[in-house]
Amino acid sequence: MKVSRVRKSGKKAISSIKKTPKLAIDKKSQFNQWIYKSGVIILTISVLTLVSIETKIVLSLLPLIDLLRFPVLSCQSTQSASLYSRKSFDQMVVLEKNKLEDSYPQRNLEIEDFTAVASSILAYDLDKEKTLFEKKPDTQFPIASLTKLMTGLLIRENIALMDEWLEFSKSDLEVDGHKNLFKTGEKFKVDDLLAASLIASNNEATTLLARSLENKIIDADQAMNFVDLMNQKAQAIGLGDTHYSNPVGFDSNNFSTSWDLVNLIKFILKAYPDFFLQTIELQKTITSQEGRGLTLTNTNYLLGEIMGIEGSKTGHTDLARDCLLLIRNFSGDRLVLIILGADNRREEMRDLINWIEQAYVFN
């Protein structure tokens, strides 16, 4: 009897001993599985994050990876693979460099926006074809003597039709805004008169140039005057918001937009790359056929103050107020800077240039 009890109690003891390890193992197994799944999830997230952040670096290493995939190659195969990978890598570097260059000029967002006072302002990068700042660039405004840029363009295009020496008449010298620089009956070369128009913004010289070309057009049996020629040219090069009523820039129905002026500059630079060289001369001496010398002084006083200016034209009338157009080099980029309807063109242009130098990185 004692033996059987001992055996029964032994079986119960053995049974209880067997059940306890099974429960412990199940719990440990579940915990390990949870740890494993959590680790996989964390690892996956980490890998995806790294891939997302460093995609460009991984791509740039592909050529090197291609080389490492084939460690056992003949000398000729190794050289070919190296050249191929080097070529691929160089192409990728060039592409990335081009993308980076295309992003310039880059805006420094720590610098606040420019505070514009003038009626219209436009800062446009000719080389990158990018607008850096604009205020009412499509709105029509009177442009005063910026009109003389179109007059000068037409003279350059038709200079072969004109006489070498042009003579001032009394009516030329009585034009509004005359400066009593020339004399009736005096003759000057076309190039010198064009310099007087663009450098000193001289109305008498501009009137003589326009009248002389108009006479040649009439002699050639063309039914148009000089102003017709100006408007015809404006339409031909896509200046849809521009209208001219005179070659000098008087206010009567004579207007344009900042965008049209940019497109005019583009056309002139493409047709005549040297057109603006004389517009940045501080002074120029011209001589009449009779031997009288005259000194032309540039109307843009910023030329002696700000470096890098490659083209210039000023304008002012009571209605248009101050107007100024510059072509200026910013670290290799040529920018067209246009101000229309300013109270002080010199001060506002200076402020605009200083702002661009702080607000943009060019390379």
Protein backbone atom coordinates (compact mmCIF):
# COMPACT_ATOMS: atom_id res chain seq x y z
CA MET A 1 0.00 0.00 0.00
CA LYS A 2 2.73 2.37 0.79
CA VAL A 3 4.43 1.49 -2.43
CA SER A 4 1.40 2.28 -4.56
CA ARG A 5 0.90 5.64 -2.86
CA VAL A 6 4.48 6.47 -3.40
CA ARG A 7 4.13 5.65 -7.09
CA LYS A 8 0.98 7.72 -7.45
CA SER A 9 2.52 10.69 -5.74
CA GLY A 10 5.62 10.19 -7.87
CA LYS A 11 3.57 10.29 -11.06
CA LYS A 12 1.89 13.46 -9.93
CA ALA A 13 5.27 14.98 -9.11
CA ILE A 14 6.72 13.93 -12.45
CA SER A 15 3.64 15.24 -14.26
CA SER A 16 3.88 18.61 -12.52
CA ILE A 17 7.58 18.80 -13.27
CA LYS A 18 6.95 18.20 -17.01
CA LYS A 19 4.21 20.86 -17.32
CA THR A 20 6.23 23.70 -15.80
CA PRO A 21 9.08 23.78 -18.39
CA LYS A 22 6.55 23.72 -21.30
CA LEU A 23 4.85 26.93 -20.12
CA ALA A 24 8.19 28.65 -19.60
CA ILE A 25 9.40 27.62 -23.07
CA ASP A 26 6.19 28.92 -24.72
CA LYS A 27 6.51 32.31 -23.05
CA LYS A 28 10.19 32.57 -23.94
CA SER A 29 9.45 31.61 -27.53
CA GLN A 30 6.75 34.28 -27.83
CA PHE A 31 9.09 36.89 -26.36
CA ASN A 32 11.86 35.95 -28.76
CA GLN A 33 9.47 36.15 -31.69
CA TRP A 34 8.32 39.61 -30.59
CA ILE A 35 11.93 40.76 -30.23
CA TYR A 36 12.75 39.37 -33.69
CA LYS A 37 9.76 41.03 -35.38
CA SER A 38 10.48 44.34 -33.67
CA GLY A 39 14.08 44.17 -34.78
CA VAL A 40 13.08 43.45 -38.36
CA ILE A 41 10.67 46.39 -38.37
CA ILE A 42 13.26 48.76 -36.90
CA LEU A 43 15.93 47.56 -39.34
CA THR A 44 13.56 47.96 -42.30
CA ILE A 45 12.64 51.50 -41.30
CA SER A 46 16.30 52.38 -40.82
CA VAL A 47 17.29 51.00 -44.22
CA LEU A 48 14.44 52.77 -45.99
CA THR A 49 15.34 56.03 -44.29
CA LEU A 50 18.99 55.73 -45.28
CA VAL A 51 18.06 54.86 -48.86
CA SER A 52 15.73 57.83 -49.06
CA ILE A 53 18.33 60.24 -47.74
CA GLU A 54 21.40 58.93 -49.54
CA THR A 55 19.99 57.97 -52.94
CA LYS A 56 22.36 60.26 -54.83
CA ILE A 57 25.39 58.84 -53.01
CA VAL A 58 24.34 55.28 -53.80
CA LEU A 59 23.82 56.15 -57.46
CA SER A 60 27.20 57.82 -57.67
CA LEU A 61 28.83 54.60 -56.34
CA LEU A 62 27.23 52.32 -58.94
CA PRO A 63 30.26 52.40 -61.27
CA LEU A 64 32.51 51.34 -58.38
CA ILE A 65 30.06 48.59 -57.43
CA ASP A 66 30.18 47.31 -61.01
CA LEU A 67 33.94 46.98 -60.73
CA LEU A 68 33.76 45.16 -57.39
CA ARG A 69 31.25 42.65 -58.78
CA PHE A 70 33.86 41.28 -61.16
CA PRO A 71 37.13 40.94 -59.22
CA VAL A 72 38.45 38.12 -61.40
CA LEU A 73 38.81 39.62 -64.85
CA SER A 74 41.56 39.58 -67.40
CA CYS A 75 43.71 42.70 -67.63
CA GLN A 76 41.94 43.73 -70.82
CA SER A 77 38.46 43.22 -69.32
CA THR A 78 39.45 45.06 -66.16
CA GLN A 79 40.72 48.00 -68.18
CA SER A 80 37.51 48.11 -70.26
CA ALA A 81 35.31 47.92 -67.18
CA SER A 82 37.37 50.64 -65.53
CA LEU A 83 37.10 52.91 -68.55
CA TYR A 84 33.37 52.29 -68.83
CA SER A 85 32.79 52.95 -65.14
CA ARG A 86 35.00 56.03 -65.26
CA LYS A 87 33.05 57.34 -68.24
CA SER A 88 29.73 56.66 -66.50
CA PHE A 89 30.95 58.33 -63.33
CA ASP A 90 32.21 61.39 -65.24
CA GLN A 91 28.88 61.71 -67.05
CA MET A 92 27.02 61.55 -63.75
CA VAL A 93 29.29 64.22 -62.28
CA VAL A 94 28.67 66.47 -65.29
CA LEU A 95 24.91 65.96 -65.02
CA GLU A 96 24.90 66.78 -61.32
CA LYS A 97 27.10 69.83 -61.94
CA ASN A 98 24.76 71.05 -64.68
CA LYS A 99 21.75 70.62 -62.40
CA LEU A 100 23.53 72.62 -59.71
CA GLU A 101 24.50 75.38 -62.15
CA ASP A 102 20.95 75.57 -63.50
CA SER A 103 19.72 76.28 -59.99
CA TYR A 104 21.78 79.47 -59.81
CA PRO A 105 21.35 82.25 -58.99
CA GLN A 106 20.05 80.94 -55.66
CA ARG A 107 17.92 83.06 -53.37
CA ASN A 108 19.19 83.70 -49.87
CA LEU A 109 15.93 83.52 -47.92
CA GLU A 110 17.50 85.18 -44.90
CA ILE A 111 17.42 88.45 -46.86
CA GLU A 112 14.03 90.14 -46.98
CA ASP A 113 12.34 91.04 -50.27
CA PHE A 114 13.29 94.25 -52.01
CA THR A 115 11.11 97.26 -51.21
CA ALA A 116 10.25 98.83 -54.57
CA VAL A 117 9.24 102.47 -54.84
CA ALA A 118 9.27 102.94 -58.63
CA SER A 119 6.20 102.17 -60.74
CA SER A 120 7.82 99.17 -62.43
CA ILE A 121 11.01 97.21 -61.73
CA LEU A 122 12.45 94.14 -63.39
CA ALA A 123 15.71 92.29 -62.67
CA TYR A 124 16.27 89.57 -65.26
CA ASP A 125 19.21 87.18 -65.72
CA LEU A 126 19.95 87.04 -69.46
CA ASP A 127 22.23 84.01 -69.19
CA LYS A 128 20.01 81.87 -66.96
CA GLU A 129 16.74 83.31 -68.33
CA LYS A 130 15.53 83.78 -64.78
CA THR A 131 13.63 86.62 -63.12
CA LEU A 132 15.19 87.74 -59.83
CA PHE A 133 12.74 90.50 -58.99
CA GLU A 134 9.71 92.06 -60.62
CA LYS A 135 7.08 94.69 -59.98
CA LYS A 136 4.39 95.28 -62.60
CA PRO A 137 6.62 94.06 -65.46
CA ASP A 138 3.65 93.76 -67.86
CA THR A 139 2.08 97.14 -67.13
CA GLN A 140 2.50 99.89 -69.73
CA PHE A 141 4.32 103.05 -68.66
CA PRO A 142 5.86 106.00 -70.51
CA ILE A 143 9.55 105.26 -71.07
CA ALA A 144 10.98 108.72 -71.90
CA SER A 145 14.41 108.52 -73.57
CA LEU A 146 14.61 104.74 -73.31
CA THR A 147 12.81 105.19 -76.64
CA LYS A 148 16.17 106.11 -78.15
CA LEU A 149 17.22 102.45 -77.96
CA MET A 150 14.74 101.61 -80.73
CA THR A 151 15.83 104.69 -82.68
CA GLY A 152 19.46 103.58 -82.37
CA LEU A 153 18.60 100.03 -83.46
CA LEU A 154 16.92 101.27 -86.64
CA ILE A 155 19.88 103.52 -87.46
CA ARG A 156 22.27 100.55 -87.09
CA GLU A 157 20.09 98.37 -89.28
CA ASN A 158 19.79 100.99 -92.05
CA ILE A 159 23.13 102.74 -91.79
CA ALA A 160 24.08 101.63 -95.30
CA LEU A 161 21.25 103.81 -96.66
CA MET A 162 22.49 106.92 -94.90
CA ASP A 163 25.07 109.51 -95.87
CA GLU A 164 28.35 109.50 -93.95
CA TRP A 165 27.90 113.12 -92.80
CA LEU A 166 24.55 114.57 -91.68
CA GLU A 167 23.76 118.29 -91.49
CA PHE A 168 21.76 119.96 -88.74
CA SER A 169 18.77 122.05 -89.78
CA LYS A 170 17.13 124.77 -87.73
CA SER A 171 14.15 122.53 -86.96
CA ASP A 172 16.47 119.82 -85.58
CA LEU A 173 17.94 122.28 -83.12
CA GLU A 174 14.55 123.62 -81.99
CA VAL A 175 13.20 120.25 -80.84
CA ASP A 176 11.87 120.14 -77.27
CA GLY A 177 14.56 119.51 -74.70
CA HIS A 178 17.35 120.89 -76.90
CA LYS A 179 20.68 121.61 -75.21
CA ASN A 180 22.22 124.11 -77.64
CA LEU A 181 25.16 121.80 -78.23
CA PHE A 182 25.13 121.93 -82.04
CA LYS A 183 24.86 124.68 -84.65
CA THR A 184 22.72 125.05 -87.77
CA GLY A 185 24.59 123.83 -90.85
CA GLU A 186 27.13 121.77 -88.89
CA LYS A 187 27.80 118.24 -90.14
CA PHE A 188 28.65 115.20 -88.03
CA LYS A 189 29.20 111.53 -88.80
CA VAL A 190 26.34 109.13 -88.21
CA ASP A 191 28.31 107.16 -85.60
CA ASP A 192 29.05 110.34 -83.64
CA LEU A 193 25.42 111.43 -83.75
CA LEU A 194 24.39 107.99 -82.50
CA ALA A 195 26.86 108.38 -79.64
CA ALA A 196 25.32 111.76 -78.79
CA SER A 197 21.87 110.15 -78.74
CA LEU A 198 22.80 107.16 -76.55
CA ILE A 199 25.49 108.65 -74.29
CA ALA A 200 24.25 112.20 -73.74
CA SER A 201 20.61 111.42 -74.62
CA ASN A 202 20.74 114.39 -77.00
CA ASN A 203 17.39 115.16 -78.62
CA GLU A 204 18.83 117.23 -81.48
CA ALA A 205 21.13 114.42 -82.65
CA THR A 206 18.31 111.88 -82.35
CA THR A 207 15.96 114.08 -84.39
CA LEU A 208 18.55 114.54 -87.13
CA LEU A 209 19.20 110.79 -87.35
CA ALA A 210 15.49 109.99 -87.58
CA ARG A 211 14.80 112.72 -90.14
CA SER A 212 17.71 111.66 -92.33
CA LEU A 213 16.68 107.99 -92.39
CA GLU A 214 13.05 108.96 -92.99
CA ASN A 215 14.12 110.95 -96.06
CA LYS A 216 15.97 107.92 -97.40
CA ILE A 217 12.89 105.73 -96.84
CA ILE A 218 10.68 108.22 -98.71
CA ASP A 219 13.24 108.34 -101.53
CA ALA A 220 13.00 104.56 -101.75
CA ASP A 221 9.21 104.90 -102.33
CA GLN A 222 8.29 103.28 -99.02
CA ALA A 223 4.96 104.60 -97.69
CA MET A 224 5.99 105.10 -94.07
CA ASN A 225 7.71 107.61 -91.83
CA PHE A 226 10.29 106.92 -89.13
CA VAL A 227 7.71 106.36 -86.38
CA ASP A 228 5.92 103.83 -88.59
CA LEU A 229 9.23 102.05 -88.95
CA MET A 230 9.67 102.02 -85.16
CA ASN A 231 6.25 100.46 -84.53
CA GLN A 232 6.69 98.00 -87.35
CA LYS A 233 9.97 96.84 -85.84
CA ALA A 234 8.40 96.59 -82.38
CA GLN A 235 5.73 94.24 -83.71
CA ALA A 236 8.26 92.22 -85.70
CA ILE A 237 10.32 91.36 -82.61
CA GLY A 238 7.29 90.71 -80.39
CA LEU A 239 6.96 93.91 -78.39
CA GLY A 240 3.19 93.63 -78.19
CA ASP A 241 2.75 96.16 -75.37
CA THR A 242 4.94 98.87 -76.90
CA HIS A 243 3.92 101.89 -78.96
CA TYR A 244 6.06 104.75 -80.24
CA SER A 245 4.85 108.20 -81.24
CA ASN A 246 8.24 109.89 -81.73
CA PRO A 247 11.93 108.91 -81.96
CA VAL A 248 13.03 110.96 -78.93
CA GLY A 249 10.76 109.77 -76.09
CA PHE A 250 8.25 112.55 -75.54
CA ASP A 251 5.23 111.50 -73.48
CA SER A 252 2.54 111.70 -76.18
CA ASN A 253 1.28 108.10 -76.61
CA ASN A 254 4.80 106.72 -76.19
CA PHE A 255 4.92 103.72 -73.85
CA SER A 256 6.23 100.21 -73.21
CA THR A 257 6.62 97.62 -70.44
CA SER A 258 9.62 96.33 -68.55
CA TRP A 259 9.22 92.93 -70.20
CA ASP A 260 9.12 94.44 -73.68
CA LEU A 261 12.28 96.37 -72.89
CA VAL A 262 14.02 93.14 -71.84
CA ASN A 263 13.01 91.54 -75.15
CA LEU A 264 14.28 94.59 -77.02
CA ILE A 265 17.63 94.28 -75.23
CA LYS A 266 17.81 90.58 -76.13
CA PHE A 267 17.22 91.37 -79.79
CA ILE A 268 19.79 94.18 -79.88
CA LEU A 269 22.49 92.10 -78.16
CA LYS A 270 21.95 89.22 -80.55
CA ALA A 271 22.01 91.42 -83.65
CA TYR A 272 24.69 93.89 -82.51
CA PRO A 273 26.76 92.61 -79.54
CA ASP A 274 28.78 95.84 -79.51
CA PHE A 275 25.73 98.13 -79.47
CA PHE A 276 25.97 99.05 -75.77
CA LEU A 277 29.74 99.55 -75.56
CA GLN A 278 29.54 103.30 -76.21
CA THR A 279 26.64 103.71 -73.78
CA ILE A 280 28.99 103.12 -70.82
CA GLU A 281 31.58 105.72 -71.82
CA LEU A 282 31.71 108.47 -69.23
CA GLN A 283 32.75 110.99 -71.87
CA LYS A 284 33.33 110.98 -75.60
CA THR A 285 34.68 113.66 -77.92
CA ILE A 286 33.18 114.05 -81.38
CA THR A 287 34.31 116.39 -84.14
CA SER A 288 32.28 118.15 -86.82
CA GLN A 289 33.28 118.16 -90.48
CA GLU A 290 34.30 121.76 -89.95
CA GLY A 291 36.70 120.69 -87.18
CA ARG A 292 34.79 121.81 -84.07
CA GLY A 293 35.17 119.35 -81.20
CA LEU A 294 32.40 118.60 -78.70
CA THR A 295 32.55 116.60 -75.47
CA LEU A 296 29.61 114.32 -74.71
CA THR A 297 28.97 113.53 -71.03
CA ASN A 298 27.04 110.43 -70.00
CA THR A 299 23.74 111.09 -68.26
CA ASN A 300 24.12 107.98 -66.07
CA TYR A 301 26.22 109.02 -63.08
CA LEU A 302 26.26 105.49 -61.67
CA LEU A 303 28.89 104.60 -64.27
CA GLY A 304 31.57 106.25 -62.18
CA GLU A 305 30.33 104.65 -58.99
CA ILE A 306 29.28 101.05 -59.69
CA MET A 307 31.57 98.58 -61.45
CA GLY A 308 30.45 95.88 -63.87
CA ILE A 309 27.96 97.95 -65.90
CA GLU A 310 27.97 96.77 -69.55
CA GLY A 311 25.09 98.81 -70.94
CA SER A 312 23.11 101.89 -69.94
CA LYS A 313 20.28 104.22 -70.94
CA THR A 314 18.59 106.93 -68.94
CA GLY A 315 15.29 108.74 -69.39
CA HIS A 316 13.20 111.45 -67.78
CA THR A 317 10.02 113.39 -68.56
CA ASP A 318 7.40 114.92 -66.31
CA LEU A 319 5.00 112.06 -66.98
CA ALA A 320 7.49 109.18 -67.11
CA ARG A 321 9.55 110.54 -64.21
CA ASP A 322 12.97 108.89 -63.80
CA CYS A 323 13.73 105.84 -65.93
CA LEU A 324 16.92 103.78 -66.04
CA LEU A 325 18.02 100.62 -67.84
CA LEU A 326 21.28 98.84 -67.04
CA ILE A 327 23.03 95.71 -68.18
CA ARG A 328 25.31 94.65 -65.32
CA ASN A 329 27.57 91.69 -64.71
CA PHE A 330 27.01 89.79 -61.44
CA SER A 331 29.76 87.17 -61.01
CA GLY A 332 29.60 86.20 -64.67
CA ASP A 333 25.83 86.53 -65.13
CA ARG A 334 24.52 89.44 -67.21
CA LEU A 335 21.43 90.99 -65.67
CA VAL A 336 19.07 93.50 -67.24
CA LEU A 337 17.89 95.94 -64.58
CA ILE A 338 14.95 98.18 -65.47
CA ILE A 339 13.37 100.94 -63.39
CA LEU A 340 10.39 102.94 -64.68
CA GLY A 341 8.60 105.79 -62.92
CA ALA A 342 11.09 106.39 -60.12
CA ASP A 343 11.45 109.45 -57.94
CA ASN A 344 15.22 108.97 -57.91
CA ARG A 345 16.53 106.47 -60.47
CA ARG A 346 20.09 106.63 -59.23
CA GLU A 347 19.22 105.89 -55.60
CA GLU A 348 16.71 103.15 -56.37
CA MET A 349 19.01 101.41 -58.86
CA ARG A 350 21.84 101.50 -56.34
CA ASP A 351 19.54 99.95 -53.72
CA LEU A 352 18.38 97.27 -56.18
CA ILE A 353 21.95 96.28 -57.05
CA ASN A 354 22.97 96.09 -53.39
CA TRP A 355 19.92 93.95 -52.62
CA ILE A 356 20.64 91.51 -55.47
CA GLU A 357 24.24 91.09 -54.30
CA GLN A 358 23.00 90.15 -50.83
CA ALA A 359 19.87 88.20 -51.78
CA TYR A 360 21.40 85.94 -54.46
CA VAL A 361 24.35 83.58 -54.81
CA PHE A 362 25.50 83.34 -58.43
CA ASN A 363 28.00 80.47 -58.32
